[in-house]
Amino acid sequence: MEQTNSKQTSERPVAIVTGGGKGIGAACCRALHEAGFTVGIHYRESRKPAEQVLSEIGSDGFLLQADLEDTAAIDAMVRQIKEQAGRVDVLVNNAGISINEPMLTMPITVFDAQRAVVRGAWYLTKRILRVLMFRRGSGRIINISSVVGHTGNAGQIPYTMEKAALDAMTKSLAKELAGRGILVNSVAPGFIDTEMTRALPEDIRNAIVANVPLGRMGGPEEVAEVVVFLAARGSYINGTVIHVNGGMYGG
């Protein structure tokens, strides 16, 4: 857990972004800050990228370190949020992993690792709700899923299952919490230009772009724009999956 003795005194609403140091998560942190939020930037191991995002945000941000596979670490992180920020208005469940391998050669450890992502998002959401949202009777939960949770993708069975599970959690939790004024939605990106997709061979990247009607990959900022809309506006949007994929899938 990130150690700190300083407490946020700003009256700005507070947003927590898991996996906030890189890619879509980092773009969400920046965009939420620009929209007027104090931002908790979560990371698991990659501290330097998270520190870079924090340096851009300044005093309206703080770091959170936790392995989201560890419930005790999540409990400690929630305690830190309570002590340092005193509230949570928006939780963005963005952290995830992607391990690609055909099913016939895939070890069960890969399946278990992907399943742990959903478990971590579920447990963190539960803790944030109980400690910092439920009694206030307001809040927004935004799950970052993926287009492949709807279309499927060869070699990514556990990953597609994980993302589909996040969307299912969104729809069920939205029904449970609507009466409390807490809105729950998913944002499902398509192929976004991030560190992960840049590592793909050029021929695979070209094949991906060929299937996108707009003819390009999306930018992390284009996903973050939708997250900010759901976080700050979207007051009659609940239990919905919003697709950000350049037209490759309509939902």
Protein backbone atom coordinates (compact mmCIF):
# COMPACT_ATOMS: atom_id res chain seq x y z
CA MET A 1 0.00 0.00 0.00
CA GLU A 2 1.20 3.49 -0.82
CA GLN A 3 2.16 5.22 2.43
CA THR A 4 1.18 8.83 2.98
CA ASN A 5 0.27 11.08 5.89
CA SER A 6 -1.25 13.90 3.86
CA LYS A 7 -5.01 14.15 3.55
CA GLN A 8 -6.75 15.65 0.55
CA THR A 9 -8.52 18.80 1.70
CA SER A 10 -10.00 19.76 -1.67
CA GLU A 11 -13.75 19.67 -2.13
CA ARG A 12 -13.27 18.18 -5.57
CA PRO A 13 -15.06 14.86 -6.16
CA VAL A 14 -12.78 11.83 -6.00
CA ALA A 15 -12.24 9.23 -8.73
CA ILE A 16 -10.25 6.01 -8.29
CA VAL A 17 -8.74 4.43 -11.41
CA THR A 18 -7.23 0.96 -11.19
CA GLY A 19 -4.31 0.33 -13.51
CA GLY A 20 -4.01 4.10 -13.77
CA GLY A 21 -0.35 4.34 -14.72
CA LYS A 22 -0.51 3.25 -18.35
CA GLY A 23 -2.61 3.24 -21.49
CA ILE A 24 -6.34 3.72 -21.09
CA GLY A 25 -6.03 4.01 -17.32
CA ALA A 26 -3.53 6.85 -17.53
CA ALA A 27 -5.69 8.66 -20.09
CA CYS A 28 -8.67 8.30 -17.75
CA CYS A 29 -6.68 9.76 -14.84
CA ARG A 30 -5.68 12.80 -16.88
CA ALA A 31 -9.15 13.36 -18.31
CA LEU A 32 -10.89 12.97 -14.96
CA HIS A 33 -8.49 15.47 -13.40
CA GLU A 34 -9.20 17.95 -16.19
CA ALA A 35 -12.91 17.42 -15.53
CA GLY A 36 -12.48 18.49 -11.91
CA PHE A 37 -11.80 15.26 -10.01
CA THR A 38 -9.13 14.43 -7.47
CA VAL A 39 -7.73 11.16 -8.81
CA GLY A 40 -6.41 8.10 -7.00
CA ILE A 41 -3.95 6.42 -9.36
CA HIS A 42 -3.70 2.71 -8.64
CA TYR A 43 -0.83 0.52 -9.76
CA ARG A 44 0.35 -2.97 -8.89
CA GLU A 45 4.07 -3.06 -9.74
CA SER A 46 4.84 -0.30 -12.25
CA ARG A 47 5.39 2.64 -9.92
CA LYS A 48 7.32 4.91 -12.30
CA PRO A 49 4.52 5.28 -14.89
CA ALA A 50 2.04 5.99 -12.09
CA GLU A 51 4.42 8.61 -10.66
CA GLN A 52 4.63 10.21 -14.11
CA VAL A 53 0.85 10.53 -14.27
CA LEU A 54 0.84 11.94 -10.73
CA SER A 55 3.46 14.53 -11.70
CA GLU A 56 1.10 15.73 -14.45
CA ILE A 57 -1.89 15.90 -12.11
CA GLY A 58 -0.06 17.40 -9.14
CA SER A 59 -1.66 17.91 -5.74
CA ASP A 60 -5.06 16.79 -7.01
CA GLY A 61 -3.85 13.20 -7.26
CA PHE A 62 -2.45 10.45 -5.05
CA LEU A 63 -0.92 7.03 -5.58
CA LEU A 64 -2.44 3.71 -4.53
CA GLN A 65 -0.46 0.47 -4.63
CA ALA A 66 -2.14 -2.93 -4.33
CA ASP A 67 -2.18 -6.38 -5.86
CA LEU A 68 -5.86 -6.72 -6.70
CA GLU A 69 -5.60 -10.49 -6.44
CA ASP A 70 -5.03 -10.05 -2.69
CA THR A 71 -8.13 -9.17 -0.67
CA ALA A 72 -6.04 -7.97 2.28
CA ALA A 73 -4.19 -5.58 -0.03
CA ILE A 74 -7.51 -4.27 -1.33
CA ASP A 75 -8.74 -3.76 2.24
CA ALA A 76 -5.59 -1.77 3.03
CA MET A 77 -6.01 0.32 -0.12
CA VAL A 78 -9.62 1.16 0.76
CA ARG A 79 -8.50 2.22 4.24
CA GLN A 80 -5.92 4.50 2.66
CA ILE A 81 -8.55 6.04 0.38
CA LYS A 82 -10.84 6.63 3.35
CA GLU A 83 -8.06 8.24 5.39
CA GLN A 84 -6.59 10.29 2.57
CA ALA A 85 -9.61 11.32 0.52
CA GLY A 86 -12.57 10.58 2.78
CA ARG A 87 -14.89 9.81 -0.13
CA VAL A 88 -15.16 8.11 -3.52
CA ASP A 89 -17.48 9.47 -6.18
CA VAL A 90 -16.29 7.39 -9.12
CA LEU A 91 -14.59 3.99 -9.33
CA VAL A 92 -13.09 3.00 -12.68
CA ASN A 93 -12.27 -0.72 -12.79
CA ASN A 94 -9.66 -0.61 -15.54
CA ALA A 95 -6.85 -2.92 -14.35
CA GLY A 96 -6.47 -6.11 -16.35
CA ILE A 97 -4.13 -8.51 -18.06
CA SER A 98 -4.15 -10.24 -21.42
CA ILE A 99 -2.41 -13.58 -21.95
CA ASN A 100 -2.80 -14.99 -25.45
CA GLU A 101 -2.59 -18.71 -26.12
CA PRO A 102 -4.75 -21.30 -27.91
CA MET A 103 -7.04 -23.27 -25.62
CA LEU A 104 -5.46 -26.66 -26.36
CA THR A 105 -2.03 -25.55 -25.11
CA MET A 106 -3.14 -23.09 -22.46
CA PRO A 107 -2.26 -24.07 -18.86
CA ILE A 108 -4.95 -23.65 -16.23
CA THR A 109 -2.78 -21.04 -14.52
CA VAL A 110 -3.56 -18.65 -17.39
CA PHE A 111 -7.28 -19.17 -16.87
CA ASP A 112 -6.89 -18.64 -13.13
CA ALA A 113 -4.91 -15.42 -13.64
CA GLN A 114 -7.61 -13.94 -15.87
CA ARG A 115 -10.37 -15.06 -13.50
CA ALA A 116 -8.55 -13.27 -10.67
CA VAL A 117 -9.02 -9.97 -12.52
CA VAL A 118 -12.81 -10.25 -12.26
CA ARG A 119 -12.55 -11.38 -8.65
CA GLY A 120 -10.42 -8.34 -7.83
CA ALA A 121 -12.80 -5.92 -9.55
CA TRP A 122 -15.75 -7.51 -7.75
CA TYR A 123 -14.09 -7.33 -4.33
CA LEU A 124 -12.79 -3.79 -4.72
CA THR A 125 -16.21 -2.62 -5.88
CA LYS A 126 -17.83 -4.32 -2.89
CA ARG A 127 -15.43 -2.66 -0.45
CA ILE A 128 -15.72 0.79 -2.03
CA LEU A 129 -19.51 0.51 -1.95
CA ARG A 130 -19.69 -0.53 1.70
CA VAL A 131 -17.15 1.93 3.01
CA LEU A 132 -17.41 5.01 0.82
CA MET A 133 -20.46 5.04 -1.46
CA PHE A 134 -23.50 3.17 -0.16
CA ARG A 135 -24.39 5.41 2.78
CA ARG A 136 -23.86 8.57 0.75
CA GLY A 137 -26.42 7.36 -1.77
CA SER A 138 -24.53 8.47 -4.85
CA GLY A 139 -21.65 7.41 -7.06
CA ARG A 140 -20.60 6.02 -10.40
CA ILE A 141 -18.94 2.69 -11.14
CA ILE A 142 -17.42 2.32 -14.59
CA ASN A 143 -16.01 -1.02 -15.74
CA ILE A 144 -13.58 -1.09 -18.66
CA SER A 145 -14.42 -4.21 -20.65
CA SER A 146 -13.65 -4.89 -24.33
CA VAL A 147 -15.21 -5.45 -27.72
CA VAL A 148 -13.83 -9.01 -27.68
CA GLY A 149 -16.10 -9.81 -24.75
CA HIS A 150 -18.88 -9.56 -27.33
CA THR A 151 -17.23 -10.73 -30.55
CA GLY A 152 -14.83 -13.36 -29.20
CA ASN A 153 -11.23 -13.60 -30.34
CA ALA A 154 -9.11 -16.65 -31.17
CA GLY A 155 -6.41 -17.35 -28.60
CA GLN A 156 -8.02 -15.14 -25.96
CA ILE A 157 -10.68 -17.32 -24.38
CA PRO A 158 -10.00 -16.43 -20.70
CA TYR A 159 -9.57 -12.75 -21.59
CA THR A 160 -12.85 -12.62 -23.51
CA MET A 161 -14.57 -14.45 -20.64
CA GLU A 162 -13.17 -11.92 -18.16
CA LYS A 163 -14.45 -8.97 -20.18
CA ALA A 164 -17.87 -10.54 -20.75
CA ALA A 165 -18.07 -11.18 -16.99
CA LEU A 166 -17.39 -7.49 -16.27
CA ASP A 167 -20.27 -6.51 -18.54
CA ALA A 168 -22.54 -9.04 -16.83
CA MET A 169 -21.54 -7.64 -13.44
CA THR A 170 -22.32 -4.15 -14.73
CA LYS A 171 -25.86 -5.06 -15.75
CA SER A 172 -26.72 -6.91 -12.55
CA LEU A 173 -25.11 -4.41 -10.18
CA ALA A 174 -26.85 -1.53 -11.95
CA LYS A 175 -30.20 -3.09 -11.03
CA GLU A 176 -29.13 -3.61 -7.41
CA LEU A 177 -27.88 -0.06 -6.88
CA ALA A 178 -30.20 2.11 -8.95
CA GLY A 179 -32.44 2.79 -5.96
CA ARG A 180 -29.40 4.15 -4.10
CA GLY A 181 -28.50 6.65 -6.78
CA ILE A 182 -25.37 4.74 -7.82
CA LEU A 183 -25.01 4.24 -11.57
CA VAL A 184 -23.04 1.35 -13.04
CA ASN A 185 -21.92 1.19 -16.67
CA SER A 186 -19.27 -0.40 -18.87
CA VAL A 187 -17.08 1.09 -21.56
CA ALA A 188 -15.97 -1.50 -24.12
CA PRO A 189 -13.00 -0.30 -26.20
CA GLY A 190 -12.09 -1.80 -29.52
CA PHE A 191 -8.47 -1.89 -30.65
CA ILE A 192 -6.75 1.05 -28.99
CA ASP A 193 -3.25 2.35 -29.66
CA THR A 194 -1.52 1.39 -26.41
CA GLU A 195 1.75 -0.18 -25.36
CA MET A 196 0.13 -3.60 -25.67
CA THR A 197 -1.11 -3.16 -29.24
CA ARG A 198 2.12 -1.45 -30.33
CA ALA A 199 3.95 -4.65 -29.42
CA LEU A 200 1.96 -6.59 -32.04
CA PRO A 201 3.67 -7.45 -35.35
CA GLU A 202 2.93 -4.92 -38.08
CA ASP A 203 1.00 -7.42 -40.22
CA ILE A 204 -1.36 -8.16 -37.33
CA ARG A 205 -1.85 -4.45 -36.64
CA ASN A 206 -2.65 -3.88 -40.30
CA ALA A 207 -5.15 -6.74 -40.28
CA ILE A 208 -6.85 -5.26 -37.21
CA VAL A 209 -7.11 -1.81 -38.78
CA ALA A 210 -8.56 -3.35 -41.97
CA ASN A 211 -11.55 -4.52 -39.92
CA VAL A 212 -12.24 -1.08 -38.44
CA PRO A 213 -14.58 1.03 -40.61
CA LEU A 214 -12.87 4.24 -39.48
CA GLY A 215 -9.60 2.79 -40.77
CA ARG A 216 -7.49 3.33 -37.66
CA MET A 217 -6.99 2.28 -34.06
CA GLY A 218 -8.51 4.44 -31.39
CA GLY A 219 -6.59 6.58 -28.94
CA PRO A 220 -6.72 6.07 -25.16
CA GLU A 221 -8.03 9.62 -24.86
CA GLU A 222 -11.06 8.68 -26.97
CA VAL A 223 -11.98 6.02 -24.43
CA ALA A 224 -11.31 8.42 -21.56
CA GLU A 225 -13.77 10.94 -23.05
CA VAL A 226 -16.58 8.43 -22.62
CA VAL A 227 -15.46 7.56 -19.09
CA VAL A 228 -15.56 11.24 -18.13
CA PHE A 229 -19.04 11.62 -19.62
CA LEU A 230 -20.31 8.71 -17.53
CA ALA A 231 -18.49 9.99 -14.45
CA ALA A 232 -19.68 13.60 -14.61
CA ARG A 233 -22.86 13.52 -16.67
CA GLY A 234 -24.88 10.61 -18.07
CA SER A 235 -27.40 10.83 -15.23
CA TYR A 236 -29.96 8.60 -17.00
CA ILE A 237 -27.50 6.01 -18.31
CA ASN A 238 -27.37 2.86 -16.19
CA GLY A 239 -26.59 -0.80 -16.79
CA THR A 240 -25.30 -0.02 -20.28
CA VAL A 241 -22.26 -1.09 -22.29
CA ILE A 242 -20.95 1.76 -24.43
CA HIS A 243 -18.82 0.60 -27.35
CA VAL A 244 -15.84 2.69 -28.47
CA ASN A 245 -14.49 0.78 -31.44
CA GLY A 246 -14.61 2.84 -34.63
CA GLY A 247 -17.60 0.94 -35.96
CA MET A 248 -16.19 -2.60 -35.93
CA TYR A 249 -19.02 -3.79 -33.65
CA GLY A 250 -22.33 -2.14 -32.91
CA GLY A 251 -23.46 -3.97 -29.81
